[in-house]
Amino acid sequence: MKKILIGLIAIIACLISFGYFQKNNGLNGDKWIGIGILLVAFILMPLFLYSRFKNKETRERMLNISSKKKEDTDNQ
């Protein structure tokens, strides 16, 4: 999974760089920049989050409000 994420980061960086290169040369590079950003938002981020939290329990990921209130009241 780590190799897939690194490969996706490289592809996305190439797409965004190519888009800026096209845009600086007077061509329409907005399409390539947009494709790169869409890949970041809809493919790279979910894969990263899945790989990061796949072996964790749900209780470790959840925000525990009661413990947060205890921490806040100790300082007052």
PDB file of N, CA and C in Angstrom:
ATOM      1  N   MET A   1       0.822  -1.179   0.000  1.00  0.00           N
ATOM      2  CA  MET A   1       0.000   0.000   0.000  1.00  0.00           C
ATOM      3  C   MET A   1       0.874   1.253   0.000  1.00  0.00           C
ATOM      4  N   LYS A   2       2.012   1.184   0.694  1.00  0.00           N
ATOM      5  CA  LYS A   2       2.887   2.340   0.767  1.00  0.00           C
ATOM      6  C   LYS A   2       3.451   2.693  -0.615  1.00  0.00           C
ATOM      7  N   LYS A   3       3.774   1.676  -1.390  1.00  0.00           N
ATOM      8  CA  LYS A   3       4.302   1.921  -2.740  1.00  0.00           C
ATOM      9  C   LYS A   3       3.237   2.525  -3.652  1.00  0.00           C
ATOM     10  N   ILE A   4       1.998   2.093  -3.475  1.00  0.00           N
ATOM     11  CA  ILE A   4       0.898   2.650  -4.274  1.00  0.00           C
ATOM     12  C   ILE A   4       0.712   4.125  -3.948  1.00  0.00           C
ATOM     13  N   LEU A   5       0.755   4.467  -2.659  1.00  0.00           N
ATOM     14  CA  LEU A   5       0.598   5.859  -2.259  1.00  0.00           C
ATOM     15  C   LEU A   5       1.735   6.728  -2.787  1.00  0.00           C
ATOM     16  N   ILE A   6       2.948   6.223  -2.723  1.00  0.00           N
ATOM     17  CA  ILE A   6       4.090   6.982  -3.235  1.00  0.00           C
ATOM     18  C   ILE A   6       3.974   7.159  -4.743  1.00  0.00           C
ATOM     19  N   GLY A   7       3.536   6.120  -5.441  1.00  0.00           N
ATOM     20  CA  GLY A   7       3.330   6.227  -6.889  1.00  0.00           C
ATOM     21  C   GLY A   7       2.257   7.237  -7.244  1.00  0.00           C
ATOM     22  N   LEU A   8       1.153   7.231  -6.487  1.00  0.00           N
ATOM     23  CA  LEU A   8       0.087   8.208  -6.725  1.00  0.00           C
ATOM     24  C   LEU A   8       0.559   9.636  -6.467  1.00  0.00           C
ATOM     25  N   ILE A   9       1.360   9.827  -5.427  1.00  0.00           N
ATOM     26  CA  ILE A   9       1.887  11.159  -5.145  1.00  0.00           C
ATOM     27  C   ILE A   9       2.761  11.632  -6.292  1.00  0.00           C
ATOM     28  N   ALA A  10       3.579  10.733  -6.839  1.00  0.00           N
ATOM     29  CA  ALA A  10       4.437  11.102  -7.962  1.00  0.00           C
ATOM     30  C   ALA A  10       3.610  11.450  -9.202  1.00  0.00           C
ATOM     31  N   ILE A  11       2.589  10.661  -9.488  1.00  0.00           N
ATOM     32  CA  ILE A  11       1.731  10.929 -10.648  1.00  0.00           C
ATOM     33  C   ILE A  11       1.005  12.253 -10.489  1.00  0.00           C
ATOM     34  N   ILE A  12       0.489  12.502  -9.296  1.00  0.00           N
ATOM     35  CA  ILE A  12      -0.242  13.745  -9.051  1.00  0.00           C
ATOM     36  C   ILE A  12       0.688  14.948  -9.153  1.00  0.00           C
ATOM     37  N   ALA A  13       1.893  14.826  -8.621  1.00  0.00           N
ATOM     38  CA  ALA A  13       2.854  15.925  -8.715  1.00  0.00           C
ATOM     39  C   ALA A  13       3.211  16.203 -10.177  1.00  0.00           C
ATOM     40  N   CYS A  14       3.343  15.139 -10.968  1.00  0.00           N
ATOM     41  CA  CYS A  14       3.633  15.314 -12.402  1.00  0.00           C
ATOM     42  C   CYS A  14       2.469  16.003 -13.116  1.00  0.00           C
ATOM     43  N   LEU A  15       1.246  15.600 -12.820  1.00  0.00           N
ATOM     44  CA  LEU A  15       0.085  16.228 -13.453  1.00  0.00           C
ATOM     45  C   LEU A  15      -0.015  17.713 -13.117  1.00  0.00           C
ATOM     46  N   ILE A  16       0.179  18.044 -11.856  1.00  0.00           N
ATOM     47  CA  ILE A  16       0.076  19.443 -11.449  1.00  0.00           C
ATOM     48  C   ILE A  16       1.224  20.252 -12.042  1.00  0.00           C
ATOM     49  N   SER A  17       2.426  19.691 -12.045  1.00  0.00           N
ATOM     50  CA  SER A  17       3.568  20.391 -12.643  1.00  0.00           C
ATOM     51  C   SER A  17       3.373  20.596 -14.137  1.00  0.00           C
ATOM     52  N   PHE A  18       2.879  19.574 -14.821  1.00  0.00           N
ATOM     53  CA  PHE A  18       2.623  19.684 -16.252  1.00  0.00           C
ATOM     54  C   PHE A  18       1.565  20.745 -16.525  1.00  0.00           C
ATOM     55  N   GLY A  19       0.559  20.815 -15.659  1.00  0.00           N
ATOM     56  CA  GLY A  19      -0.481  21.822 -15.814  1.00  0.00           C
ATOM     57  C   GLY A  19       0.055  23.230 -15.659  1.00  0.00           C
ATOM     58  N   TYR A  20       0.916  23.442 -14.665  1.00  0.00           N
ATOM     59  CA  TYR A  20       1.505  24.767 -14.496  1.00  0.00           C
ATOM     60  C   TYR A  20       2.443  25.102 -15.648  1.00  0.00           C
ATOM     61  N   PHE A  21       3.162  24.110 -16.149  1.00  0.00           N
ATOM     62  CA  PHE A  21       4.031  24.333 -17.301  1.00  0.00           C
ATOM     63  C   PHE A  21       3.214  24.742 -18.520  1.00  0.00           C
ATOM     64  N   GLN A  22       2.101  24.062 -18.752  1.00  0.00           N
ATOM     65  CA  GLN A  22       1.229  24.395 -19.877  1.00  0.00           C
ATOM     66  C   GLN A  22       0.619  25.786 -19.698  1.00  0.00           C
ATOM     67  N   LYS A  23       0.267  26.096 -18.477  1.00  0.00           N
ATOM     68  CA  LYS A  23      -0.356  27.393 -18.205  1.00  0.00           C
ATOM     69  C   LYS A  23       0.645  28.538 -18.415  1.00  0.00           C
ATOM     70  N   ASN A  24       1.886  28.337 -18.041  1.00  0.00           N
ATOM     71  CA  ASN A  24       2.902  29.375 -18.231  1.00  0.00           C
ATOM     72  C   ASN A  24       3.264  29.575 -19.695  1.00  0.00           C
ATOM     73  N   ASN A  25       3.069  28.561 -20.508  1.00  0.00           N
ATOM     74  CA  ASN A  25       3.361  28.687 -21.937  1.00  0.00           C
ATOM     75  C   ASN A  25       2.177  29.223 -22.730  1.00  0.00           C
ATOM     76  N   GLY A  26       1.140  29.625 -22.061  1.00  0.00           N
ATOM     77  CA  GLY A  26      -0.006  30.205 -22.736  1.00  0.00           C
ATOM     78  C   GLY A  26      -1.047  29.199 -23.162  1.00  0.00           C
ATOM     79  N   LEU A  27      -0.856  27.950 -22.843  1.00  0.00           N
ATOM     80  CA  LEU A  27      -1.832  26.919 -23.202  1.00  0.00           C
ATOM     81  C   LEU A  27      -2.797  26.712 -22.037  1.00  0.00           C
ATOM     82  N   ASN A  28      -3.781  25.868 -22.255  1.00  0.00           N
ATOM     83  CA  ASN A  28      -4.791  25.621 -21.233  1.00  0.00           C
ATOM     84  C   ASN A  28      -4.323  24.487 -20.313  1.00  0.00           C
ATOM     85  N   GLY A  29      -3.674  24.837 -19.214  1.00  0.00           N
ATOM     86  CA  GLY A  29      -3.186  23.833 -18.271  1.00  0.00           C
ATOM     87  C   GLY A  29      -4.090  23.637 -17.085  1.00  0.00           C
ATOM     88  N   ASP A  30      -5.180  24.405 -17.032  1.00  0.00           N
ATOM     89  CA  ASP A  30      -6.097  24.280 -15.894  1.00  0.00           C
ATOM     90  C   ASP A  30      -6.717  22.894 -15.808  1.00  0.00           C
ATOM     91  N   LYS A  31      -6.905  22.259 -16.939  1.00  0.00           N
ATOM     92  CA  LYS A  31      -7.495  20.917 -16.959  1.00  0.00           C
ATOM     93  C   LYS A  31      -6.583  19.927 -16.225  1.00  0.00           C
ATOM     94  N   TRP A  32      -5.277  20.003 -16.462  1.00  0.00           N
ATOM     95  CA  TRP A  32      -4.340  19.063 -15.840  1.00  0.00           C
ATOM     96  C   TRP A  32      -4.189  19.338 -14.349  1.00  0.00           C
ATOM     97  N   ILE A  33      -4.211  20.597 -13.976  1.00  0.00           N
ATOM     98  CA  ILE A  33      -4.143  20.948 -12.560  1.00  0.00           C
ATOM     99  C   ILE A  33      -5.397  20.440 -11.851  1.00  0.00           C
ATOM    100  N   GLY A  34      -6.546  20.618 -12.467  1.00  0.00           N
ATOM    101  CA  GLY A  34      -7.801  20.155 -11.884  1.00  0.00           C
ATOM    102  C   GLY A  34      -7.856  18.649 -11.729  1.00  0.00           C
ATOM    103  N   ILE A  35      -7.346  17.927 -12.725  1.00  0.00           N
ATOM    104  CA  ILE A  35      -7.309  16.464 -12.625  1.00  0.00           C
ATOM    105  C   ILE A  35      -6.421  16.036 -11.466  1.00  0.00           C
ATOM    106  N   GLY A  36      -5.293  16.700 -11.301  1.00  0.00           N
ATOM    107  CA  GLY A  36      -4.399  16.384 -10.188  1.00  0.00           C
ATOM    108  C   GLY A  36      -5.043  16.638  -8.846  1.00  0.00           C
ATOM    109  N   ILE A  37      -5.754  17.746  -8.718  1.00  0.00           N
ATOM    110  CA  ILE A  37      -6.415  18.077  -7.453  1.00  0.00           C
ATOM    111  C   ILE A  37      -7.559  17.105  -7.177  1.00  0.00           C
ATOM    112  N   LEU A  38      -8.310  16.722  -8.202  1.00  0.00           N
ATOM    113  CA  LEU A  38      -9.377  15.738  -8.010  1.00  0.00           C
ATOM    114  C   LEU A  38      -8.822  14.385  -7.567  1.00  0.00           C
ATOM    115  N   LEU A  39      -7.681  13.984  -8.124  1.00  0.00           N
ATOM    116  CA  LEU A  39      -7.054  12.735  -7.700  1.00  0.00           C
ATOM    117  C   LEU A  39      -6.623  12.806  -6.244  1.00  0.00           C
ATOM    118  N   VAL A  40      -6.133  13.949  -5.826  1.00  0.00           N
ATOM    119  CA  VAL A  40      -5.750  14.113  -4.415  1.00  0.00           C
ATOM    120  C   VAL A  40      -6.971  13.955  -3.521  1.00  0.00           C
ATOM    121  N   ALA A  41      -8.059  14.633  -3.899  1.00  0.00           N
ATOM    122  CA  ALA A  41      -9.232  14.662  -3.031  1.00  0.00           C
ATOM    123  C   ALA A  41      -9.996  13.344  -2.993  1.00  0.00           C
ATOM    124  N   PHE A  42     -10.150  12.683  -4.142  1.00  0.00           N
ATOM    125  CA  PHE A  42     -11.034  11.523  -4.201  1.00  0.00           C
ATOM    126  C   PHE A  42     -10.341  10.169  -4.246  1.00  0.00           C
ATOM    127  N   ILE A  43      -9.049  10.140  -4.470  1.00  0.00           N
ATOM    128  CA  ILE A  43      -8.349   8.853  -4.515  1.00  0.00           C
ATOM    129  C   ILE A  43      -7.239   8.784  -3.471  1.00  0.00           C
ATOM    130  N   LEU A  44      -6.354   9.783  -3.453  1.00  0.00           N
ATOM    131  CA  LEU A  44      -5.210   9.727  -2.557  1.00  0.00           C
ATOM    132  C   LEU A  44      -5.612   9.835  -1.085  1.00  0.00           C
ATOM    133  N   MET A  45      -6.460  10.793  -0.738  1.00  0.00           N
ATOM    134  CA  MET A  45      -6.848  10.963   0.663  1.00  0.00           C
ATOM    135  C   MET A  45      -7.584   9.752   1.236  1.00  0.00           C
ATOM    136  N   PRO A  46      -8.597   9.181   0.549  1.00  0.00           N
ATOM    137  CA  PRO A  46      -9.236   7.987   1.123  1.00  0.00           C
ATOM    138  C   PRO A  46      -8.282   6.799   1.258  1.00  0.00           C
ATOM    139  N   LEU A  47      -7.387   6.606   0.279  1.00  0.00           N
ATOM    140  CA  LEU A  47      -6.424   5.514   0.394  1.00  0.00           C
ATOM    141  C   LEU A  47      -5.462   5.741   1.549  1.00  0.00           C
ATOM    142  N   PHE A  48      -5.029   6.989   1.727  1.00  0.00           N
ATOM    143  CA  PHE A  48      -4.134   7.296   2.837  1.00  0.00           C
ATOM    144  C   PHE A  48      -4.822   7.057   4.172  1.00  0.00           C
ATOM    145  N   LEU A  49      -6.061   7.536   4.304  1.00  0.00           N
ATOM    146  CA  LEU A  49      -6.778   7.346   5.562  1.00  0.00           C
ATOM    147  C   LEU A  49      -7.044   5.872   5.842  1.00  0.00           C
ATOM    148  N   TYR A  50      -7.370   5.113   4.805  1.00  0.00           N
ATOM    149  CA  TYR A  50      -7.584   3.684   4.993  1.00  0.00           C
ATOM    150  C   TYR A  50      -6.300   2.994   5.446  1.00  0.00           C
ATOM    151  N   SER A  51      -5.177   3.314   4.795  1.00  0.00           N
ATOM    152  CA  SER A  51      -3.927   2.659   5.160  1.00  0.00           C
ATOM    153  C   SER A  51      -3.455   3.075   6.548  1.00  0.00           C
ATOM    154  N   ARG A  52      -3.795   4.283   6.963  1.00  0.00           N
ATOM    155  CA  ARG A  52      -3.364   4.788   8.263  1.00  0.00           C
ATOM    156  C   ARG A  52      -4.173   4.183   9.405  1.00  0.00           C
ATOM    157  N   PHE A  53      -5.466   3.975   9.202  1.00  0.00           N
ATOM    158  CA  PHE A  53      -6.339   3.546  10.291  1.00  0.00           C
ATOM    159  C   PHE A  53      -6.892   2.141  10.127  1.00  0.00           C
ATOM    160  N   LYS A  54      -6.364   1.320   9.244  1.00  0.00           N
ATOM    161  CA  LYS A  54      -6.963   0.013   8.994  1.00  0.00           C
ATOM    162  C   LYS A  54      -6.788  -0.961  10.159  1.00  0.00           C
ATOM    163  N   ASN A  55      -5.757  -0.834  10.967  1.00  0.00           N
ATOM    164  CA  ASN A  55      -5.546  -1.758  12.080  1.00  0.00           C
ATOM    165  C   ASN A  55      -5.889  -1.148  13.428  1.00  0.00           C
ATOM    166  N   LYS A  56      -6.533  -0.019  13.438  1.00  0.00           N
ATOM    167  CA  LYS A  56      -6.896   0.652  14.681  1.00  0.00           C
ATOM    168  C   LYS A  56      -8.332   0.321  15.048  1.00  0.00           C
ATOM    169  N   GLU A  57      -8.613   0.379  16.336  1.00  0.00           N
ATOM    170  CA  GLU A  57      -9.985   0.173  16.785  1.00  0.00           C
ATOM    171  C   GLU A  57     -10.759   1.474  16.656  1.00  0.00           C
ATOM    172  N   THR A  58     -12.053   1.346  16.590  1.00  0.00           N
ATOM    173  CA  THR A  58     -12.907   2.521  16.412  1.00  0.00           C
ATOM    174  C   THR A  58     -12.808   3.456  17.609  1.00  0.00           C
ATOM    175  N   ARG A  59     -12.649   2.921  18.791  1.00  0.00           N
ATOM    176  CA  ARG A  59     -12.571   3.763  19.990  1.00  0.00           C
ATOM    177  C   ARG A  59     -11.332   4.650  19.976  1.00  0.00           C
ATOM    178  N   GLU A  60     -10.262   4.217  19.336  1.00  0.00           N
ATOM    179  CA  GLU A  60      -9.059   5.032  19.258  1.00  0.00           C
ATOM    180  C   GLU A  60      -9.241   6.215  18.305  1.00  0.00           C
ATOM    181  N   ARG A  61     -10.118   6.075  17.319  1.00  0.00           N
ATOM    182  CA  ARG A  61     -10.342   7.139  16.345  1.00  0.00           C
ATOM    183  C   ARG A  61     -11.391   8.139  16.774  1.00  0.00           C
ATOM    184  N   MET A  62     -12.249   7.750  17.707  1.00  0.00           N
ATOM    185  CA  MET A  62     -13.361   8.610  18.103  1.00  0.00           C
ATOM    186  C   MET A  62     -12.910   9.649  19.123  1.00  0.00           C
ATOM    187  N   LEU A  63     -13.520  10.807  19.061  1.00  0.00           N
ATOM    188  CA  LEU A  63     -13.275  11.863  20.027  1.00  0.00           C
ATOM    189  C   LEU A  63     -14.123  11.599  21.262  1.00  0.00           C
ATOM    190  N   ASN A  64     -13.486  11.484  22.387  1.00  0.00           N
ATOM    191  CA  ASN A  64     -14.194  11.222  23.627  1.00  0.00           C
ATOM    192  C   ASN A  64     -14.448  12.553  24.315  1.00  0.00           C
ATOM    193  N   ILE A  65     -15.683  13.014  24.298  1.00  0.00           N
ATOM    194  CA  ILE A  65     -16.028  14.332  24.811  1.00  0.00           C
ATOM    195  C   ILE A  65     -15.921  14.381  26.335  1.00  0.00           C
ATOM    196  N   SER A  66     -16.246  13.310  27.025  1.00  0.00           N
ATOM    197  CA  SER A  66     -16.187  13.332  28.493  1.00  0.00           C
ATOM    198  C   SER A  66     -14.753  13.501  28.978  1.00  0.00           C
ATOM    199  N   SER A  67     -13.797  12.869  28.344  1.00  0.00           N
ATOM    200  CA  SER A  67     -12.405  13.057  28.758  1.00  0.00           C
ATOM    201  C   SER A  67     -11.914  14.446  28.360  1.00  0.00           C
ATOM    202  N   LYS A  68     -12.450  14.995  27.292  1.00  0.00           N
ATOM    203  CA  LYS A  68     -12.083  16.342  26.868  1.00  0.00           C
ATOM    204  C   LYS A  68     -12.573  17.364  27.880  1.00  0.00           C
ATOM    205  N   LYS A  69     -13.783  17.174  28.434  1.00  0.00           N
ATOM    206  CA  LYS A  69     -14.316  18.091  29.434  1.00  0.00           C
ATOM    207  C   LYS A  69     -13.482  18.029  30.713  1.00  0.00           C
ATOM    208  N   LYS A  70     -13.026  16.843  31.088  1.00  0.00           N
ATOM    209  CA  LYS A  70     -12.187  16.712  32.275  1.00  0.00           C
ATOM    210  C   LYS A  70     -10.883  17.470  32.104  1.00  0.00           C
ATOM    211  N   GLU A  71     -10.289  17.396  30.934  1.00  0.00           N
ATOM    212  CA  GLU A  71      -9.049  18.109  30.671  1.00  0.00           C
ATOM    213  C   GLU A  71      -9.256  19.617  30.712  1.00  0.00           C
ATOM    214  N   ASP A  72     -10.383  20.098  30.214  1.00  0.00           N
ATOM    215  CA  ASP A  72     -10.642  21.530  30.178  1.00  0.00           C
ATOM    216  C   ASP A  72     -10.902  22.086  31.580  1.00  0.00           C
ATOM    217  N   THR A  73     -11.572  21.337  32.423  1.00  0.00           N
ATOM    218  CA  THR A  73     -11.913  21.855  33.747  1.00  0.00           C
ATOM    219  C   THR A  73     -10.732  21.822  34.705  1.00  0.00           C
ATOM    220  N   ASP A  74      -9.728  21.017  34.450  1.00  0.00           N
ATOM    221  CA  ASP A  74      -8.579  20.955  35.336  1.00  0.00           C
ATOM    222  C   ASP A  74      -7.790  22.258  35.332  1.00  0.00           C
ATOM    223  N   ASN A  75      -7.791  22.974  34.227  1.00  0.00           N
ATOM    224  CA  ASN A  75      -7.011  24.195  34.115  1.00  0.00           C
ATOM    225  C   ASN A  75      -7.731  25.409  34.677  1.00  0.00           C
ATOM    226  N   GLN A  76      -9.013  25.307  34.994  1.00  0.00           N
ATOM    227  CA  GLN A  76      -9.758  26.496  35.437  1.00  0.00           C
ATOM    228  C   GLN A  76      -9.791  26.618  36.906  1.00  0.00           C
TER     229      GLN A  76
END
